[in-house]
Amino acid sequence: AISGVYAIPSTAKSLRVRIFTTST
């Protein structure tokens, strides 16, 4: 499992989720 908690700014109108290898 991988998970993270994030505080979304009040000005946000669009969101993008990304997941990637931390390095090459």
PDBML (XML) file of the C-alpha atoms, coordinates in Angstrom:
<?xml version="1.0" encoding="UTF-8" ?>
<PDBx:datablock datablockName="MODEL"
   xmlns:PDBx="http://pdbml.pdb.org/schema/pdbx-v50.xsd"
   xmlns:xsi="http://www.w3.org/2001/XMLSchema-instance"
   xsi:schemaLocation="http://pdbml.pdb.org/schema/pdbx-v50.xsd pdbx-v50.xsd">
   <PDBx:atom_siteCategory>
      <PDBx:atom_site id="1">
         <PDBx:B_iso_or_equiv>0.00</PDBx:B_iso_or_equiv>
         <PDBx:Cartn_x>0.000</PDBx:Cartn_x>
         <PDBx:Cartn_y>0.000</PDBx:Cartn_y>
         <PDBx:Cartn_z>0.000</PDBx:Cartn_z>
         <PDBx:auth_asym_id>A</PDBx:auth_asym_id>
         <PDBx:auth_atom_id>CA</PDBx:auth_atom_id>
         <PDBx:auth_comp_id>ALA</PDBx:auth_comp_id>
         <PDBx:auth_seq_id>1</PDBx:auth_seq_id>
         <PDBx:group_PDB>ATOM</PDBx:group_PDB>
         <PDBx:label_alt_id xsi:nil="true" />
         <PDBx:label_asym_id>A</PDBx:label_asym_id>
         <PDBx:label_atom_id>CA</PDBx:label_atom_id>
         <PDBx:label_comp_id>ALA</PDBx:label_comp_id>
         <PDBx:label_entity_id>1</PDBx:label_entity_id>
         <PDBx:label_seq_id>1</PDBx:label_seq_id>
         <PDBx:occupancy>1.00</PDBx:occupancy>
         <PDBx:pdbx_PDB_model_num>1</PDBx:pdbx_PDB_model_num>
         <PDBx:type_symbol>C</PDBx:type_symbol>
      </PDBx:atom_site>
      <PDBx:atom_site id="2">
         <PDBx:B_iso_or_equiv>0.00</PDBx:B_iso_or_equiv>
         <PDBx:Cartn_x>0.942</PDBx:Cartn_x>
         <PDBx:Cartn_y>3.606</PDBx:Cartn_y>
         <PDBx:Cartn_z>-0.604</PDBx:Cartn_z>
         <PDBx:auth_asym_id>A</PDBx:auth_asym_id>
         <PDBx:auth_atom_id>CA</PDBx:auth_atom_id>
         <PDBx:auth_comp_id>ILE</PDBx:auth_comp_id>
         <PDBx:auth_seq_id>2</PDBx:auth_seq_id>
         <PDBx:group_PDB>ATOM</PDBx:group_PDB>
         <PDBx:label_alt_id xsi:nil="true" />
         <PDBx:label_asym_id>A</PDBx:label_asym_id>
         <PDBx:label_atom_id>CA</PDBx:label_atom_id>
         <PDBx:label_comp_id>ILE</PDBx:label_comp_id>
         <PDBx:label_entity_id>1</PDBx:label_entity_id>
         <PDBx:label_seq_id>2</PDBx:label_seq_id>
         <PDBx:occupancy>1.00</PDBx:occupancy>
         <PDBx:pdbx_PDB_model_num>1</PDBx:pdbx_PDB_model_num>
         <PDBx:type_symbol>C</PDBx:type_symbol>
      </PDBx:atom_site>
      <PDBx:atom_site id="3">
         <PDBx:B_iso_or_equiv>0.00</PDBx:B_iso_or_equiv>
         <PDBx:Cartn_x>-1.058</PDBx:Cartn_x>
         <PDBx:Cartn_y>6.589</PDBx:Cartn_y>
         <PDBx:Cartn_z>0.674</PDBx:Cartn_z>
         <PDBx:auth_asym_id>A</PDBx:auth_asym_id>
         <PDBx:auth_atom_id>CA</PDBx:auth_atom_id>
         <PDBx:auth_comp_id>SER</PDBx:auth_comp_id>
         <PDBx:auth_seq_id>3</PDBx:auth_seq_id>
         <PDBx:group_PDB>ATOM</PDBx:group_PDB>
         <PDBx:label_alt_id xsi:nil="true" />
         <PDBx:label_asym_id>A</PDBx:label_asym_id>
         <PDBx:label_atom_id>CA</PDBx:label_atom_id>
         <PDBx:label_comp_id>SER</PDBx:label_comp_id>
         <PDBx:label_entity_id>1</PDBx:label_entity_id>
         <PDBx:label_seq_id>3</PDBx:label_seq_id>
         <PDBx:occupancy>1.00</PDBx:occupancy>
         <PDBx:pdbx_PDB_model_num>1</PDBx:pdbx_PDB_model_num>
         <PDBx:type_symbol>C</PDBx:type_symbol>
      </PDBx:atom_site>
      <PDBx:atom_site id="4">
         <PDBx:B_iso_or_equiv>0.00</PDBx:B_iso_or_equiv>
         <PDBx:Cartn_x>-0.650</PDBx:Cartn_x>
         <PDBx:Cartn_y>10.264</PDBx:Cartn_y>
         <PDBx:Cartn_z>1.428</PDBx:Cartn_z>
         <PDBx:auth_asym_id>A</PDBx:auth_asym_id>
         <PDBx:auth_atom_id>CA</PDBx:auth_atom_id>
         <PDBx:auth_comp_id>GLY</PDBx:auth_comp_id>
         <PDBx:auth_seq_id>4</PDBx:auth_seq_id>
         <PDBx:group_PDB>ATOM</PDBx:group_PDB>
         <PDBx:label_alt_id xsi:nil="true" />
         <PDBx:label_asym_id>A</PDBx:label_asym_id>
         <PDBx:label_atom_id>CA</PDBx:label_atom_id>
         <PDBx:label_comp_id>GLY</PDBx:label_comp_id>
         <PDBx:label_entity_id>1</PDBx:label_entity_id>
         <PDBx:label_seq_id>4</PDBx:label_seq_id>
         <PDBx:occupancy>1.00</PDBx:occupancy>
         <PDBx:pdbx_PDB_model_num>1</PDBx:pdbx_PDB_model_num>
         <PDBx:type_symbol>C</PDBx:type_symbol>
      </PDBx:atom_site>
      <PDBx:atom_site id="5">
         <PDBx:B_iso_or_equiv>0.00</PDBx:B_iso_or_equiv>
         <PDBx:Cartn_x>-2.708</PDBx:Cartn_x>
         <PDBx:Cartn_y>13.039</PDBx:Cartn_y>
         <PDBx:Cartn_z>3.051</PDBx:Cartn_z>
         <PDBx:auth_asym_id>A</PDBx:auth_asym_id>
         <PDBx:auth_atom_id>CA</PDBx:auth_atom_id>
         <PDBx:auth_comp_id>VAL</PDBx:auth_comp_id>
         <PDBx:auth_seq_id>5</PDBx:auth_seq_id>
         <PDBx:group_PDB>ATOM</PDBx:group_PDB>
         <PDBx:label_alt_id xsi:nil="true" />
         <PDBx:label_asym_id>A</PDBx:label_asym_id>
         <PDBx:label_atom_id>CA</PDBx:label_atom_id>
         <PDBx:label_comp_id>VAL</PDBx:label_comp_id>
         <PDBx:label_entity_id>1</PDBx:label_entity_id>
         <PDBx:label_seq_id>5</PDBx:label_seq_id>
         <PDBx:occupancy>1.00</PDBx:occupancy>
         <PDBx:pdbx_PDB_model_num>1</PDBx:pdbx_PDB_model_num>
         <PDBx:type_symbol>C</PDBx:type_symbol>
      </PDBx:atom_site>
      <PDBx:atom_site id="6">
         <PDBx:B_iso_or_equiv>0.00</PDBx:B_iso_or_equiv>
         <PDBx:Cartn_x>-2.954</PDBx:Cartn_x>
         <PDBx:Cartn_y>16.442</PDBx:Cartn_y>
         <PDBx:Cartn_z>1.377</PDBx:Cartn_z>
         <PDBx:auth_asym_id>A</PDBx:auth_asym_id>
         <PDBx:auth_atom_id>CA</PDBx:auth_atom_id>
         <PDBx:auth_comp_id>TYR</PDBx:auth_comp_id>
         <PDBx:auth_seq_id>6</PDBx:auth_seq_id>
         <PDBx:group_PDB>ATOM</PDBx:group_PDB>
         <PDBx:label_alt_id xsi:nil="true" />
         <PDBx:label_asym_id>A</PDBx:label_asym_id>
         <PDBx:label_atom_id>CA</PDBx:label_atom_id>
         <PDBx:label_comp_id>TYR</PDBx:label_comp_id>
         <PDBx:label_entity_id>1</PDBx:label_entity_id>
         <PDBx:label_seq_id>6</PDBx:label_seq_id>
         <PDBx:occupancy>1.00</PDBx:occupancy>
         <PDBx:pdbx_PDB_model_num>1</PDBx:pdbx_PDB_model_num>
         <PDBx:type_symbol>C</PDBx:type_symbol>
      </PDBx:atom_site>
      <PDBx:atom_site id="7">
         <PDBx:B_iso_or_equiv>0.00</PDBx:B_iso_or_equiv>
         <PDBx:Cartn_x>-4.520</PDBx:Cartn_x>
         <PDBx:Cartn_y>19.811</PDBx:Cartn_y>
         <PDBx:Cartn_z>2.255</PDBx:Cartn_z>
         <PDBx:auth_asym_id>A</PDBx:auth_asym_id>
         <PDBx:auth_atom_id>CA</PDBx:auth_atom_id>
         <PDBx:auth_comp_id>ALA</PDBx:auth_comp_id>
         <PDBx:auth_seq_id>7</PDBx:auth_seq_id>
         <PDBx:group_PDB>ATOM</PDBx:group_PDB>
         <PDBx:label_alt_id xsi:nil="true" />
         <PDBx:label_asym_id>A</PDBx:label_asym_id>
         <PDBx:label_atom_id>CA</PDBx:label_atom_id>
         <PDBx:label_comp_id>ALA</PDBx:label_comp_id>
         <PDBx:label_entity_id>1</PDBx:label_entity_id>
         <PDBx:label_seq_id>7</PDBx:label_seq_id>
         <PDBx:occupancy>1.00</PDBx:occupancy>
         <PDBx:pdbx_PDB_model_num>1</PDBx:pdbx_PDB_model_num>
         <PDBx:type_symbol>C</PDBx:type_symbol>
      </PDBx:atom_site>
      <PDBx:atom_site id="8">
         <PDBx:B_iso_or_equiv>0.00</PDBx:B_iso_or_equiv>
         <PDBx:Cartn_x>-6.214</PDBx:Cartn_x>
         <PDBx:Cartn_y>21.215</PDBx:Cartn_y>
         <PDBx:Cartn_z>-0.853</PDBx:Cartn_z>
         <PDBx:auth_asym_id>A</PDBx:auth_asym_id>
         <PDBx:auth_atom_id>CA</PDBx:auth_atom_id>
         <PDBx:auth_comp_id>ILE</PDBx:auth_comp_id>
         <PDBx:auth_seq_id>8</PDBx:auth_seq_id>
         <PDBx:group_PDB>ATOM</PDBx:group_PDB>
         <PDBx:label_alt_id xsi:nil="true" />
         <PDBx:label_asym_id>A</PDBx:label_asym_id>
         <PDBx:label_atom_id>CA</PDBx:label_atom_id>
         <PDBx:label_comp_id>ILE</PDBx:label_comp_id>
         <PDBx:label_entity_id>1</PDBx:label_entity_id>
         <PDBx:label_seq_id>8</PDBx:label_seq_id>
         <PDBx:occupancy>1.00</PDBx:occupancy>
         <PDBx:pdbx_PDB_model_num>1</PDBx:pdbx_PDB_model_num>
         <PDBx:type_symbol>C</PDBx:type_symbol>
      </PDBx:atom_site>
      <PDBx:atom_site id="9">
         <PDBx:B_iso_or_equiv>0.00</PDBx:B_iso_or_equiv>
         <PDBx:Cartn_x>-6.019</PDBx:Cartn_x>
         <PDBx:Cartn_y>25.030</PDBx:Cartn_y>
         <PDBx:Cartn_z>-1.173</PDBx:Cartn_z>
         <PDBx:auth_asym_id>A</PDBx:auth_asym_id>
         <PDBx:auth_atom_id>CA</PDBx:auth_atom_id>
         <PDBx:auth_comp_id>PRO</PDBx:auth_comp_id>
         <PDBx:auth_seq_id>9</PDBx:auth_seq_id>
         <PDBx:group_PDB>ATOM</PDBx:group_PDB>
         <PDBx:label_alt_id xsi:nil="true" />
         <PDBx:label_asym_id>A</PDBx:label_asym_id>
         <PDBx:label_atom_id>CA</PDBx:label_atom_id>
         <PDBx:label_comp_id>PRO</PDBx:label_comp_id>
         <PDBx:label_entity_id>1</PDBx:label_entity_id>
         <PDBx:label_seq_id>9</PDBx:label_seq_id>
         <PDBx:occupancy>1.00</PDBx:occupancy>
         <PDBx:pdbx_PDB_model_num>1</PDBx:pdbx_PDB_model_num>
         <PDBx:type_symbol>C</PDBx:type_symbol>
      </PDBx:atom_site>
      <PDBx:atom_site id="10">
         <PDBx:B_iso_or_equiv>0.00</PDBx:B_iso_or_equiv>
         <PDBx:Cartn_x>-9.319</PDBx:Cartn_x>
         <PDBx:Cartn_y>26.890</PDBx:Cartn_y>
         <PDBx:Cartn_z>-1.121</PDBx:Cartn_z>
         <PDBx:auth_asym_id>A</PDBx:auth_asym_id>
         <PDBx:auth_atom_id>CA</PDBx:auth_atom_id>
         <PDBx:auth_comp_id>SER</PDBx:auth_comp_id>
         <PDBx:auth_seq_id>10</PDBx:auth_seq_id>
         <PDBx:group_PDB>ATOM</PDBx:group_PDB>
         <PDBx:label_alt_id xsi:nil="true" />
         <PDBx:label_asym_id>A</PDBx:label_asym_id>
         <PDBx:label_atom_id>CA</PDBx:label_atom_id>
         <PDBx:label_comp_id>SER</PDBx:label_comp_id>
         <PDBx:label_entity_id>1</PDBx:label_entity_id>
         <PDBx:label_seq_id>10</PDBx:label_seq_id>
         <PDBx:occupancy>1.00</PDBx:occupancy>
         <PDBx:pdbx_PDB_model_num>1</PDBx:pdbx_PDB_model_num>
         <PDBx:type_symbol>C</PDBx:type_symbol>
      </PDBx:atom_site>
      <PDBx:atom_site id="11">
         <PDBx:B_iso_or_equiv>0.00</PDBx:B_iso_or_equiv>
         <PDBx:Cartn_x>-8.465</PDBx:Cartn_x>
         <PDBx:Cartn_y>28.379</PDBx:Cartn_y>
         <PDBx:Cartn_z>-4.529</PDBx:Cartn_z>
         <PDBx:auth_asym_id>A</PDBx:auth_asym_id>
         <PDBx:auth_atom_id>CA</PDBx:auth_atom_id>
         <PDBx:auth_comp_id>THR</PDBx:auth_comp_id>
         <PDBx:auth_seq_id>11</PDBx:auth_seq_id>
         <PDBx:group_PDB>ATOM</PDBx:group_PDB>
         <PDBx:label_alt_id xsi:nil="true" />
         <PDBx:label_asym_id>A</PDBx:label_asym_id>
         <PDBx:label_atom_id>CA</PDBx:label_atom_id>
         <PDBx:label_comp_id>THR</PDBx:label_comp_id>
         <PDBx:label_entity_id>1</PDBx:label_entity_id>
         <PDBx:label_seq_id>11</PDBx:label_seq_id>
         <PDBx:occupancy>1.00</PDBx:occupancy>
         <PDBx:pdbx_PDB_model_num>1</PDBx:pdbx_PDB_model_num>
         <PDBx:type_symbol>C</PDBx:type_symbol>
      </PDBx:atom_site>
      <PDBx:atom_site id="12">
         <PDBx:B_iso_or_equiv>0.00</PDBx:B_iso_or_equiv>
         <PDBx:Cartn_x>-8.224</PDBx:Cartn_x>
         <PDBx:Cartn_y>24.986</PDBx:Cartn_y>
         <PDBx:Cartn_z>-6.265</PDBx:Cartn_z>
         <PDBx:auth_asym_id>A</PDBx:auth_asym_id>
         <PDBx:auth_atom_id>CA</PDBx:auth_atom_id>
         <PDBx:auth_comp_id>ALA</PDBx:auth_comp_id>
         <PDBx:auth_seq_id>12</PDBx:auth_seq_id>
         <PDBx:group_PDB>ATOM</PDBx:group_PDB>
         <PDBx:label_alt_id xsi:nil="true" />
         <PDBx:label_asym_id>A</PDBx:label_asym_id>
         <PDBx:label_atom_id>CA</PDBx:label_atom_id>
         <PDBx:label_comp_id>ALA</PDBx:label_comp_id>
         <PDBx:label_entity_id>1</PDBx:label_entity_id>
         <PDBx:label_seq_id>12</PDBx:label_seq_id>
         <PDBx:occupancy>1.00</PDBx:occupancy>
         <PDBx:pdbx_PDB_model_num>1</PDBx:pdbx_PDB_model_num>
         <PDBx:type_symbol>C</PDBx:type_symbol>
      </PDBx:atom_site>
      <PDBx:atom_site id="13">
         <PDBx:B_iso_or_equiv>0.00</PDBx:B_iso_or_equiv>
         <PDBx:Cartn_x>-10.609</PDBx:Cartn_x>
         <PDBx:Cartn_y>24.468</PDBx:Cartn_y>
         <PDBx:Cartn_z>-9.191</PDBx:Cartn_z>
         <PDBx:auth_asym_id>A</PDBx:auth_asym_id>
         <PDBx:auth_atom_id>CA</PDBx:auth_atom_id>
         <PDBx:auth_comp_id>LYS</PDBx:auth_comp_id>
         <PDBx:auth_seq_id>13</PDBx:auth_seq_id>
         <PDBx:group_PDB>ATOM</PDBx:group_PDB>
         <PDBx:label_alt_id xsi:nil="true" />
         <PDBx:label_asym_id>A</PDBx:label_asym_id>
         <PDBx:label_atom_id>CA</PDBx:label_atom_id>
         <PDBx:label_comp_id>LYS</PDBx:label_comp_id>
         <PDBx:label_entity_id>1</PDBx:label_entity_id>
         <PDBx:label_seq_id>13</PDBx:label_seq_id>
         <PDBx:occupancy>1.00</PDBx:occupancy>
         <PDBx:pdbx_PDB_model_num>1</PDBx:pdbx_PDB_model_num>
         <PDBx:type_symbol>C</PDBx:type_symbol>
      </PDBx:atom_site>
      <PDBx:atom_site id="14">
         <PDBx:B_iso_or_equiv>0.00</PDBx:B_iso_or_equiv>
         <PDBx:Cartn_x>-8.906</PDBx:Cartn_x>
         <PDBx:Cartn_y>21.505</PDBx:Cartn_y>
         <PDBx:Cartn_z>-10.868</PDBx:Cartn_z>
         <PDBx:auth_asym_id>A</PDBx:auth_asym_id>
         <PDBx:auth_atom_id>CA</PDBx:auth_atom_id>
         <PDBx:auth_comp_id>SER</PDBx:auth_comp_id>
         <PDBx:auth_seq_id>14</PDBx:auth_seq_id>
         <PDBx:group_PDB>ATOM</PDBx:group_PDB>
         <PDBx:label_alt_id xsi:nil="true" />
         <PDBx:label_asym_id>A</PDBx:label_asym_id>
         <PDBx:label_atom_id>CA</PDBx:label_atom_id>
         <PDBx:label_comp_id>SER</PDBx:label_comp_id>
         <PDBx:label_entity_id>1</PDBx:label_entity_id>
         <PDBx:label_seq_id>14</PDBx:label_seq_id>
         <PDBx:occupancy>1.00</PDBx:occupancy>
         <PDBx:pdbx_PDB_model_num>1</PDBx:pdbx_PDB_model_num>
         <PDBx:type_symbol>C</PDBx:type_symbol>
      </PDBx:atom_site>
      <PDBx:atom_site id="15">
         <PDBx:B_iso_or_equiv>0.00</PDBx:B_iso_or_equiv>
         <PDBx:Cartn_x>-6.905</PDBx:Cartn_x>
         <PDBx:Cartn_y>18.635</PDBx:Cartn_y>
         <PDBx:Cartn_z>-9.385</PDBx:Cartn_z>
         <PDBx:auth_asym_id>A</PDBx:auth_asym_id>
         <PDBx:auth_atom_id>CA</PDBx:auth_atom_id>
         <PDBx:auth_comp_id>LEU</PDBx:auth_comp_id>
         <PDBx:auth_seq_id>15</PDBx:auth_seq_id>
         <PDBx:group_PDB>ATOM</PDBx:group_PDB>
         <PDBx:label_alt_id xsi:nil="true" />
         <PDBx:label_asym_id>A</PDBx:label_asym_id>
         <PDBx:label_atom_id>CA</PDBx:label_atom_id>
         <PDBx:label_comp_id>LEU</PDBx:label_comp_id>
         <PDBx:label_entity_id>1</PDBx:label_entity_id>
         <PDBx:label_seq_id>15</PDBx:label_seq_id>
         <PDBx:occupancy>1.00</PDBx:occupancy>
         <PDBx:pdbx_PDB_model_num>1</PDBx:pdbx_PDB_model_num>
         <PDBx:type_symbol>C</PDBx:type_symbol>
      </PDBx:atom_site>
      <PDBx:atom_site id="16">
         <PDBx:B_iso_or_equiv>0.00</PDBx:B_iso_or_equiv>
         <PDBx:Cartn_x>-4.387</PDBx:Cartn_x>
         <PDBx:Cartn_y>16.190</PDBx:Cartn_y>
         <PDBx:Cartn_z>-10.788</PDBx:Cartn_z>
         <PDBx:auth_asym_id>A</PDBx:auth_asym_id>
         <PDBx:auth_atom_id>CA</PDBx:auth_atom_id>
         <PDBx:auth_comp_id>ARG</PDBx:auth_comp_id>
         <PDBx:auth_seq_id>16</PDBx:auth_seq_id>
         <PDBx:group_PDB>ATOM</PDBx:group_PDB>
         <PDBx:label_alt_id xsi:nil="true" />
         <PDBx:label_asym_id>A</PDBx:label_asym_id>
         <PDBx:label_atom_id>CA</PDBx:label_atom_id>
         <PDBx:label_comp_id>ARG</PDBx:label_comp_id>
         <PDBx:label_entity_id>1</PDBx:label_entity_id>
         <PDBx:label_seq_id>16</PDBx:label_seq_id>
         <PDBx:occupancy>1.00</PDBx:occupancy>
         <PDBx:pdbx_PDB_model_num>1</PDBx:pdbx_PDB_model_num>
         <PDBx:type_symbol>C</PDBx:type_symbol>
      </PDBx:atom_site>
      <PDBx:atom_site id="17">
         <PDBx:B_iso_or_equiv>0.00</PDBx:B_iso_or_equiv>
         <PDBx:Cartn_x>-3.216</PDBx:Cartn_x>
         <PDBx:Cartn_y>13.016</PDBx:Cartn_y>
         <PDBx:Cartn_z>-9.069</PDBx:Cartn_z>
         <PDBx:auth_asym_id>A</PDBx:auth_asym_id>
         <PDBx:auth_atom_id>CA</PDBx:auth_atom_id>
         <PDBx:auth_comp_id>VAL</PDBx:auth_comp_id>
         <PDBx:auth_seq_id>17</PDBx:auth_seq_id>
         <PDBx:group_PDB>ATOM</PDBx:group_PDB>
         <PDBx:label_alt_id xsi:nil="true" />
         <PDBx:label_asym_id>A</PDBx:label_asym_id>
         <PDBx:label_atom_id>CA</PDBx:label_atom_id>
         <PDBx:label_comp_id>VAL</PDBx:label_comp_id>
         <PDBx:label_entity_id>1</PDBx:label_entity_id>
         <PDBx:label_seq_id>17</PDBx:label_seq_id>
         <PDBx:occupancy>1.00</PDBx:occupancy>
         <PDBx:pdbx_PDB_model_num>1</PDBx:pdbx_PDB_model_num>
         <PDBx:type_symbol>C</PDBx:type_symbol>
      </PDBx:atom_site>
      <PDBx:atom_site id="18">
         <PDBx:B_iso_or_equiv>0.00</PDBx:B_iso_or_equiv>
         <PDBx:Cartn_x>0.107</PDBx:Cartn_x>
         <PDBx:Cartn_y>11.552</PDBx:Cartn_y>
         <PDBx:Cartn_z>-10.075</PDBx:Cartn_z>
         <PDBx:auth_asym_id>A</PDBx:auth_asym_id>
         <PDBx:auth_atom_id>CA</PDBx:auth_atom_id>
         <PDBx:auth_comp_id>ARG</PDBx:auth_comp_id>
         <PDBx:auth_seq_id>18</PDBx:auth_seq_id>
         <PDBx:group_PDB>ATOM</PDBx:group_PDB>
         <PDBx:label_alt_id xsi:nil="true" />
         <PDBx:label_asym_id>A</PDBx:label_asym_id>
         <PDBx:label_atom_id>CA</PDBx:label_atom_id>
         <PDBx:label_comp_id>ARG</PDBx:label_comp_id>
         <PDBx:label_entity_id>1</PDBx:label_entity_id>
         <PDBx:label_seq_id>18</PDBx:label_seq_id>
         <PDBx:occupancy>1.00</PDBx:occupancy>
         <PDBx:pdbx_PDB_model_num>1</PDBx:pdbx_PDB_model_num>
         <PDBx:type_symbol>C</PDBx:type_symbol>
      </PDBx:atom_site>
      <PDBx:atom_site id="19">
         <PDBx:B_iso_or_equiv>0.00</PDBx:B_iso_or_equiv>
         <PDBx:Cartn_x>2.060</PDBx:Cartn_x>
         <PDBx:Cartn_y>8.467</PDBx:Cartn_y>
         <PDBx:Cartn_z>-9.014</PDBx:Cartn_z>
         <PDBx:auth_asym_id>A</PDBx:auth_asym_id>
         <PDBx:auth_atom_id>CA</PDBx:auth_atom_id>
         <PDBx:auth_comp_id>ILE</PDBx:auth_comp_id>
         <PDBx:auth_seq_id>19</PDBx:auth_seq_id>
         <PDBx:group_PDB>ATOM</PDBx:group_PDB>
         <PDBx:label_alt_id xsi:nil="true" />
         <PDBx:label_asym_id>A</PDBx:label_asym_id>
         <PDBx:label_atom_id>CA</PDBx:label_atom_id>
         <PDBx:label_comp_id>ILE</PDBx:label_comp_id>
         <PDBx:label_entity_id>1</PDBx:label_entity_id>
         <PDBx:label_seq_id>19</PDBx:label_seq_id>
         <PDBx:occupancy>1.00</PDBx:occupancy>
         <PDBx:pdbx_PDB_model_num>1</PDBx:pdbx_PDB_model_num>
         <PDBx:type_symbol>C</PDBx:type_symbol>
      </PDBx:atom_site>
      <PDBx:atom_site id="20">
         <PDBx:B_iso_or_equiv>0.00</PDBx:B_iso_or_equiv>
         <PDBx:Cartn_x>5.584</PDBx:Cartn_x>
         <PDBx:Cartn_y>7.737</PDBx:Cartn_y>
         <PDBx:Cartn_z>-10.182</PDBx:Cartn_z>
         <PDBx:auth_asym_id>A</PDBx:auth_asym_id>
         <PDBx:auth_atom_id>CA</PDBx:auth_atom_id>
         <PDBx:auth_comp_id>PHE</PDBx:auth_comp_id>
         <PDBx:auth_seq_id>20</PDBx:auth_seq_id>
         <PDBx:group_PDB>ATOM</PDBx:group_PDB>
         <PDBx:label_alt_id xsi:nil="true" />
         <PDBx:label_asym_id>A</PDBx:label_asym_id>
         <PDBx:label_atom_id>CA</PDBx:label_atom_id>
         <PDBx:label_comp_id>PHE</PDBx:label_comp_id>
         <PDBx:label_entity_id>1</PDBx:label_entity_id>
         <PDBx:label_seq_id>20</PDBx:label_seq_id>
         <PDBx:occupancy>1.00</PDBx:occupancy>
         <PDBx:pdbx_PDB_model_num>1</PDBx:pdbx_PDB_model_num>
         <PDBx:type_symbol>C</PDBx:type_symbol>
      </PDBx:atom_site>
      <PDBx:atom_site id="21">
         <PDBx:B_iso_or_equiv>0.00</PDBx:B_iso_or_equiv>
         <PDBx:Cartn_x>8.793</PDBx:Cartn_x>
         <PDBx:Cartn_y>5.955</PDBx:Cartn_y>
         <PDBx:Cartn_z>-9.298</PDBx:Cartn_z>
         <PDBx:auth_asym_id>A</PDBx:auth_asym_id>
         <PDBx:auth_atom_id>CA</PDBx:auth_atom_id>
         <PDBx:auth_comp_id>THR</PDBx:auth_comp_id>
         <PDBx:auth_seq_id>21</PDBx:auth_seq_id>
         <PDBx:group_PDB>ATOM</PDBx:group_PDB>
         <PDBx:label_alt_id xsi:nil="true" />
         <PDBx:label_asym_id>A</PDBx:label_asym_id>
         <PDBx:label_atom_id>CA</PDBx:label_atom_id>
         <PDBx:label_comp_id>THR</PDBx:label_comp_id>
         <PDBx:label_entity_id>1</PDBx:label_entity_id>
         <PDBx:label_seq_id>21</PDBx:label_seq_id>
         <PDBx:occupancy>1.00</PDBx:occupancy>
         <PDBx:pdbx_PDB_model_num>1</PDBx:pdbx_PDB_model_num>
         <PDBx:type_symbol>C</PDBx:type_symbol>
      </PDBx:atom_site>
      <PDBx:atom_site id="22">
         <PDBx:B_iso_or_equiv>0.00</PDBx:B_iso_or_equiv>
         <PDBx:Cartn_x>10.713</PDBx:Cartn_x>
         <PDBx:Cartn_y>8.167</PDBx:Cartn_y>
         <PDBx:Cartn_z>-6.902</PDBx:Cartn_z>
         <PDBx:auth_asym_id>A</PDBx:auth_asym_id>
         <PDBx:auth_atom_id>CA</PDBx:auth_atom_id>
         <PDBx:auth_comp_id>THR</PDBx:auth_comp_id>
         <PDBx:auth_seq_id>22</PDBx:auth_seq_id>
         <PDBx:group_PDB>ATOM</PDBx:group_PDB>
         <PDBx:label_alt_id xsi:nil="true" />
         <PDBx:label_asym_id>A</PDBx:label_asym_id>
         <PDBx:label_atom_id>CA</PDBx:label_atom_id>
         <PDBx:label_comp_id>THR</PDBx:label_comp_id>
         <PDBx:label_entity_id>1</PDBx:label_entity_id>
         <PDBx:label_seq_id>22</PDBx:label_seq_id>
         <PDBx:occupancy>1.00</PDBx:occupancy>
         <PDBx:pdbx_PDB_model_num>1</PDBx:pdbx_PDB_model_num>
         <PDBx:type_symbol>C</PDBx:type_symbol>
      </PDBx:atom_site>
      <PDBx:atom_site id="23">
         <PDBx:B_iso_or_equiv>0.00</PDBx:B_iso_or_equiv>
         <PDBx:Cartn_x>13.844</PDBx:Cartn_x>
         <PDBx:Cartn_y>7.897</PDBx:Cartn_y>
         <PDBx:Cartn_z>-9.063</PDBx:Cartn_z>
         <PDBx:auth_asym_id>A</PDBx:auth_asym_id>
         <PDBx:auth_atom_id>CA</PDBx:auth_atom_id>
         <PDBx:auth_comp_id>SER</PDBx:auth_comp_id>
         <PDBx:auth_seq_id>23</PDBx:auth_seq_id>
         <PDBx:group_PDB>ATOM</PDBx:group_PDB>
         <PDBx:label_alt_id xsi:nil="true" />
         <PDBx:label_asym_id>A</PDBx:label_asym_id>
         <PDBx:label_atom_id>CA</PDBx:label_atom_id>
         <PDBx:label_comp_id>SER</PDBx:label_comp_id>
         <PDBx:label_entity_id>1</PDBx:label_entity_id>
         <PDBx:label_seq_id>23</PDBx:label_seq_id>
         <PDBx:occupancy>1.00</PDBx:occupancy>
         <PDBx:pdbx_PDB_model_num>1</PDBx:pdbx_PDB_model_num>
         <PDBx:type_symbol>C</PDBx:type_symbol>
      </PDBx:atom_site>
      <PDBx:atom_site id="24">
         <PDBx:B_iso_or_equiv>0.00</PDBx:B_iso_or_equiv>
         <PDBx:Cartn_x>14.811</PDBx:Cartn_x>
         <PDBx:Cartn_y>6.213</PDBx:Cartn_y>
         <PDBx:Cartn_z>-12.303</PDBx:Cartn_z>
         <PDBx:auth_asym_id>A</PDBx:auth_asym_id>
         <PDBx:auth_atom_id>CA</PDBx:auth_atom_id>
         <PDBx:auth_comp_id>THR</PDBx:auth_comp_id>
         <PDBx:auth_seq_id>24</PDBx:auth_seq_id>
         <PDBx:group_PDB>ATOM</PDBx:group_PDB>
         <PDBx:label_alt_id xsi:nil="true" />
         <PDBx:label_asym_id>A</PDBx:label_asym_id>
         <PDBx:label_atom_id>CA</PDBx:label_atom_id>
         <PDBx:label_comp_id>THR</PDBx:label_comp_id>
         <PDBx:label_entity_id>1</PDBx:label_entity_id>
         <PDBx:label_seq_id>24</PDBx:label_seq_id>
         <PDBx:occupancy>1.00</PDBx:occupancy>
         <PDBx:pdbx_PDB_model_num>1</PDBx:pdbx_PDB_model_num>
         <PDBx:type_symbol>C</PDBx:type_symbol>
      </PDBx:atom_site>
   </PDBx:atom_siteCategory>
</PDBx:datablock>
